[in-house]
Each structure stands twice: as structure tokens, then as C-alpha cells.
N, C-alpha and C. Protein backbone atom coordinates (compact mmCIF):
# COMPACT_ATOMS: atom_id res chain seq x y z
N MET A 1 23.27 -33.10 1.08
CA MET A 1 22.14 -32.49 1.80
C MET A 1 20.91 -32.16 0.97
N GLY A 2 20.96 -31.21 0.22
CA GLY A 2 19.54 -30.72 -0.49
C GLY A 2 20.13 -29.74 -1.56
N LEU A 3 19.04 -29.36 -2.19
CA LEU A 3 19.21 -28.43 -3.23
C LEU A 3 18.77 -27.04 -2.88
N LEU A 4 19.49 -26.09 -2.98
CA LEU A 4 19.20 -24.68 -2.40
C LEU A 4 18.23 -24.07 -3.56
N ILE A 5 17.13 -23.56 -2.98
CA ILE A 5 16.13 -23.00 -4.05
C ILE A 5 16.10 -21.51 -3.56
N PRO A 6 16.39 -20.53 -4.53
CA PRO A 6 16.31 -19.09 -4.23
C PRO A 6 14.93 -18.64 -3.96
N LEU A 7 14.61 -18.02 -3.04
CA LEU A 7 13.43 -17.32 -2.62
C LEU A 7 13.18 -16.14 -3.64
N PHE A 8 13.93 -15.52 -3.99
CA PHE A 8 13.67 -14.38 -4.88
C PHE A 8 14.57 -14.51 -6.30
N ASN A 9 13.94 -14.03 -7.33
CA ASN A 9 14.84 -13.89 -8.54
C ASN A 9 15.73 -12.83 -8.45
N ARG A 10 16.97 -13.02 -8.75
CA ARG A 10 17.87 -11.97 -8.55
C ARG A 10 18.49 -11.76 -10.15
N LYS A 11 18.18 -10.47 -10.39
CA LYS A 11 18.57 -10.08 -11.76
C LYS A 11 19.86 -9.57 -11.53
N ARG A 12 20.70 -10.04 -12.63
CA ARG A 12 22.08 -9.52 -12.53
C ARG A 12 22.14 -8.11 -13.11
N ASN A 13 22.95 -7.26 -12.20
CA ASN A 13 22.98 -5.88 -12.72
C ASN A 13 23.87 -5.86 -13.73
N PRO A 14 23.41 -5.27 -14.88
CA PRO A 14 24.39 -5.12 -16.06
C PRO A 14 25.26 -3.95 -15.87
N THR A 15 26.42 -3.90 -16.51
CA THR A 15 27.40 -2.97 -16.14
C THR A 15 26.61 -1.53 -16.75
N LYS A 16 26.71 -0.48 -15.85
CA LYS A 16 26.07 0.65 -16.18
C LYS A 16 26.88 1.48 -17.16
N VAL A 17 26.30 1.81 -18.25
CA VAL A 17 26.86 2.60 -19.40
C VAL A 17 26.64 3.93 -19.06
N PRO A 18 27.48 4.97 -19.16
CA PRO A 18 27.02 6.24 -18.94
C PRO A 18 25.89 6.78 -19.83
N LEU A 19 25.01 7.58 -19.22
CA LEU A 19 23.80 8.10 -20.07
C LEU A 19 24.20 9.20 -20.94
N THR A 20 23.42 9.14 -21.91
CA THR A 20 23.63 10.31 -22.93
C THR A 20 22.91 11.62 -22.27
N THR A 21 23.25 12.73 -22.90
CA THR A 21 22.58 13.91 -22.37
C THR A 21 21.19 13.89 -22.53
N GLU A 22 20.57 13.28 -23.43
CA GLU A 22 19.11 13.10 -23.64
C GLU A 22 18.60 12.02 -22.62
N GLN A 23 19.25 11.13 -22.29
CA GLN A 23 18.93 10.06 -21.41
C GLN A 23 18.79 10.67 -19.98
N MET A 24 19.75 11.54 -19.69
CA MET A 24 20.04 12.36 -18.36
C MET A 24 18.72 13.40 -18.13
N LEU A 25 18.43 13.99 -19.32
CA LEU A 25 17.27 14.72 -19.25
C LEU A 25 15.87 14.15 -19.04
N ARG A 26 15.79 13.09 -19.48
CA ARG A 26 14.71 12.13 -19.37
C ARG A 26 14.52 11.75 -18.04
N VAL A 27 15.65 11.40 -17.53
CA VAL A 27 15.68 10.80 -15.91
C VAL A 27 15.21 12.05 -15.19
N LYS A 28 15.86 13.30 -15.38
CA LYS A 28 15.43 14.18 -14.59
C LYS A 28 13.84 14.59 -14.68
N LEU A 29 13.40 14.59 -15.95
CA LEU A 29 11.99 14.82 -16.26
C LEU A 29 11.09 13.84 -15.42
N LEU A 30 11.56 12.39 -15.42
CA LEU A 30 10.78 11.45 -14.99
C LEU A 30 10.80 11.54 -13.40
N THR A 31 11.81 12.09 -12.79
CA THR A 31 12.11 12.32 -11.33
C THR A 31 11.24 13.39 -10.91
N ASN A 32 11.23 14.61 -11.59
CA ASN A 32 10.46 15.69 -11.32
C ASN A 32 8.89 15.28 -11.51
N SER A 33 8.54 14.56 -12.39
CA SER A 33 7.06 14.19 -12.67
C SER A 33 6.71 13.29 -11.46
N LEU A 34 7.47 12.41 -11.01
CA LEU A 34 7.08 11.66 -9.86
C LEU A 34 6.93 12.43 -8.56
N GLU A 35 7.88 13.21 -8.40
CA GLU A 35 7.83 14.08 -7.15
C GLU A 35 6.59 14.87 -7.39
N ALA A 36 6.38 15.42 -8.42
CA ALA A 36 5.06 16.30 -8.62
C ALA A 36 3.81 15.56 -8.27
N LEU A 37 3.81 14.45 -8.83
CA LEU A 37 2.57 13.56 -8.58
C LEU A 37 2.69 13.16 -7.12
N LYS A 38 3.66 12.78 -6.55
CA LYS A 38 3.63 12.48 -4.95
C LYS A 38 2.92 13.78 -4.26
N ARG A 39 3.51 14.93 -4.63
CA ARG A 39 2.93 16.20 -3.96
C ARG A 39 1.45 16.44 -4.13
N GLU A 40 1.08 16.09 -5.39
CA GLU A 40 -0.42 16.16 -5.79
C GLU A 40 -1.25 14.94 -5.03
N GLU A 41 -0.67 13.79 -4.72
CA GLU A 41 -1.42 12.87 -4.08
C GLU A 41 -1.58 13.36 -2.54
N LYS A 42 -0.59 13.75 -2.09
CA LYS A 42 -0.55 14.23 -0.73
C LYS A 42 -1.56 15.56 -0.47
N ALA A 43 -1.61 16.43 -1.51
CA ALA A 43 -2.40 17.40 -1.36
C ALA A 43 -3.90 17.06 -1.31
N ILE A 44 -4.22 15.93 -2.16
CA ILE A 44 -5.60 15.25 -2.19
C ILE A 44 -5.94 14.61 -1.04
N GLU A 45 -5.07 13.91 -0.52
CA GLU A 45 -5.18 13.13 0.71
C GLU A 45 -5.56 14.22 1.92
N ASP A 46 -4.64 15.28 2.00
CA ASP A 46 -5.01 16.38 3.12
C ASP A 46 -6.27 16.87 2.79
N ALA A 47 -6.85 17.05 1.48
CA ALA A 47 -8.09 17.67 1.53
C ALA A 47 -9.16 16.90 1.84
N ILE A 48 -9.02 15.43 1.50
CA ILE A 48 -10.03 14.51 1.73
C ILE A 48 -10.18 14.52 3.31
N THR A 49 -8.94 14.51 3.96
CA THR A 49 -8.93 14.37 5.50
C THR A 49 -9.54 15.57 5.97
N THR A 50 -9.34 16.54 5.50
CA THR A 50 -10.01 17.98 6.03
C THR A 50 -11.57 17.99 5.75
N LYS A 51 -11.97 17.70 4.57
CA LYS A 51 -13.33 17.63 4.08
C LYS A 51 -14.12 16.57 4.66
N CYS A 52 -13.55 15.37 4.92
CA CYS A 52 -14.41 14.14 5.17
C CYS A 52 -13.87 13.70 6.75
N ARG A 53 -13.62 14.73 7.58
CA ARG A 53 -13.04 14.45 8.76
C ARG A 53 -14.06 13.49 9.82
N ASP A 54 -15.28 13.95 9.51
CA ASP A 54 -16.21 13.14 10.46
C ASP A 54 -16.48 11.67 9.90
N GLU A 55 -16.46 11.55 8.58
CA GLU A 55 -16.61 10.41 8.07
C GLU A 55 -15.53 9.37 8.28
N ILE A 56 -14.19 9.83 8.20
CA ILE A 56 -12.92 9.14 8.55
C ILE A 56 -13.24 8.67 10.01
N GLU A 57 -13.49 9.56 10.83
CA GLU A 57 -13.69 9.11 12.16
C GLU A 57 -14.69 8.13 12.58
N ARG A 58 -15.74 8.39 12.10
CA ARG A 58 -16.76 7.15 11.78
C ARG A 58 -16.27 5.83 11.31
N LEU A 59 -15.48 5.84 10.33
CA LEU A 59 -15.02 4.58 9.72
C LEU A 59 -13.93 4.02 10.70
N ASN A 60 -13.31 4.89 11.28
CA ASN A 60 -12.26 4.25 12.23
C ASN A 60 -13.00 3.63 13.44
N ALA A 61 -14.06 4.48 13.90
CA ALA A 61 -14.68 3.72 15.06
C ALA A 61 -15.37 2.56 14.71
N ILE A 62 -15.91 2.29 13.54
CA ILE A 62 -16.50 1.06 13.16
C ILE A 62 -15.71 -0.07 12.92
N ASP A 63 -14.41 0.45 12.48
CA ASP A 63 -13.24 -0.56 12.26
C ASP A 63 -12.63 -1.15 13.64
N SER A 64 -12.58 -0.20 14.56
CA SER A 64 -12.45 -0.36 15.95
C SER A 64 -13.37 -1.53 16.56
N GLN A 65 -14.51 -1.12 16.33
CA GLN A 65 -15.60 -2.09 16.95
C GLN A 65 -15.45 -3.33 16.37
N GLN A 66 -15.26 -3.46 15.15
CA GLN A 66 -15.36 -4.76 14.25
C GLN A 66 -14.03 -5.55 14.89
N GLN A 67 -12.88 -4.93 15.00
CA GLN A 67 -11.86 -5.74 15.58
C GLN A 67 -12.12 -6.20 16.92
N LYS A 68 -12.73 -5.55 17.77
CA LYS A 68 -12.96 -5.84 19.05
C LYS A 68 -13.97 -7.12 19.09
N LEU A 69 -15.04 -6.98 18.10
CA LEU A 69 -16.06 -8.02 17.98
C LEU A 69 -15.53 -9.38 17.41
N LYS A 70 -14.51 -9.20 16.54
CA LYS A 70 -13.78 -10.38 15.97
C LYS A 70 -12.98 -10.99 16.80
N VAL A 71 -12.32 -10.32 17.87
CA VAL A 71 -11.36 -10.84 18.79
C VAL A 71 -12.25 -11.67 19.72
N GLU A 72 -13.27 -11.07 20.33
CA GLU A 72 -14.15 -11.77 21.20
C GLU A 72 -14.72 -13.04 20.61
N LEU A 73 -15.27 -12.91 19.41
CA LEU A 73 -15.82 -14.06 18.63
C LEU A 73 -14.69 -15.17 18.46
N GLU A 74 -13.49 -14.70 18.23
CA GLU A 74 -12.49 -15.77 18.19
C GLU A 74 -12.24 -16.36 19.30
N GLU A 75 -12.17 -15.67 20.57
CA GLU A 75 -11.99 -16.23 21.90
C GLU A 75 -12.96 -17.14 22.20
N LEU A 76 -14.18 -16.91 22.12
CA LEU A 76 -15.30 -17.61 22.39
C LEU A 76 -15.36 -18.79 21.46
N SER A 77 -15.23 -18.80 20.16
CA SER A 77 -15.47 -19.96 19.41
C SER A 77 -14.18 -20.71 19.34
N GLY A 78 -12.99 -20.23 19.43
CA GLY A 78 -11.86 -20.82 19.20
C GLY A 78 -11.41 -20.99 17.78
N LEU A 79 -12.27 -20.42 16.96
CA LEU A 79 -11.88 -20.28 15.54
C LEU A 79 -11.63 -18.98 15.03
N PRO A 80 -10.89 -18.90 13.99
CA PRO A 80 -10.71 -17.64 13.34
C PRO A 80 -11.85 -17.06 12.65
N TRP A 81 -12.00 -15.73 12.66
CA TRP A 81 -13.05 -15.15 11.99
C TRP A 81 -13.00 -15.49 10.52
N PRO A 82 -14.03 -16.13 9.89
CA PRO A 82 -13.97 -16.49 8.45
C PRO A 82 -14.08 -15.16 7.47
N GLY A 83 -14.47 -14.03 7.98
CA GLY A 83 -14.44 -13.02 7.06
C GLY A 83 -15.91 -12.60 6.72
N SER A 84 -16.14 -11.95 5.63
CA SER A 84 -17.64 -11.48 5.20
C SER A 84 -18.31 -12.39 4.67
N SER A 85 -19.56 -12.61 5.45
CA SER A 85 -20.61 -13.72 4.88
C SER A 85 -21.44 -13.27 3.80
N PHE A 86 -21.30 -12.06 3.25
CA PHE A 86 -22.13 -11.77 2.06
C PHE A 86 -21.24 -11.44 0.89
N SER A 87 -21.82 -11.41 -0.31
CA SER A 87 -21.10 -11.24 -1.45
C SER A 87 -21.23 -9.95 -2.01
N LYS A 88 -20.27 -9.21 -2.50
CA LYS A 88 -20.34 -8.06 -3.23
C LYS A 88 -20.72 -8.14 -4.66
N GLY A 89 -21.59 -7.58 -5.27
CA GLY A 89 -21.69 -7.47 -6.72
C GLY A 89 -23.16 -7.26 -6.87
């Protein structure tokens, strides 16, 4: 038939060795730190949303209008929208 090529590298799970007390404390610290960072990130997102509500609404309106124009352009030309025609830099 053919050769089966895996799409994803599969790592073999090594046998789990029980963690030492120090390792368990480190895992707990890392977990707590990640949760604290997620809470901080959410708070910042909420603050930005609150303080910049008008700007966010304007950006959403611009994005919506762009999408409508791209769809209309693609329907008229039969070609997909190529993207930005100007370079950043």
C-alpha cells in the first residue's frame, strides 16, 4: 500500500516517578503563579475594555466594514482579497 507518515510527533510518556516534597512545592508555586498571572491579565483586559470602549467600538466597526468590502470585492472580481497593499516599516 504505502507508508504511514505520522502528522504529529508523539512523545512517549515516561513512567511518572513520584515527586519529592520540594518538587511538589515547586509545582504548587508554579500553578499559583500562573493563576495569578491569568487573573492579572484578565484585570488588565477589563481595564482596557472599560477605558477604551469607544476606540474598541470604532475598531470593531472598521473591521466589520472592511470585511463587507472584501466580500463584495471578491464577489465582483472572482479573486480573493490579496491583503494589504502597503508595507509597514
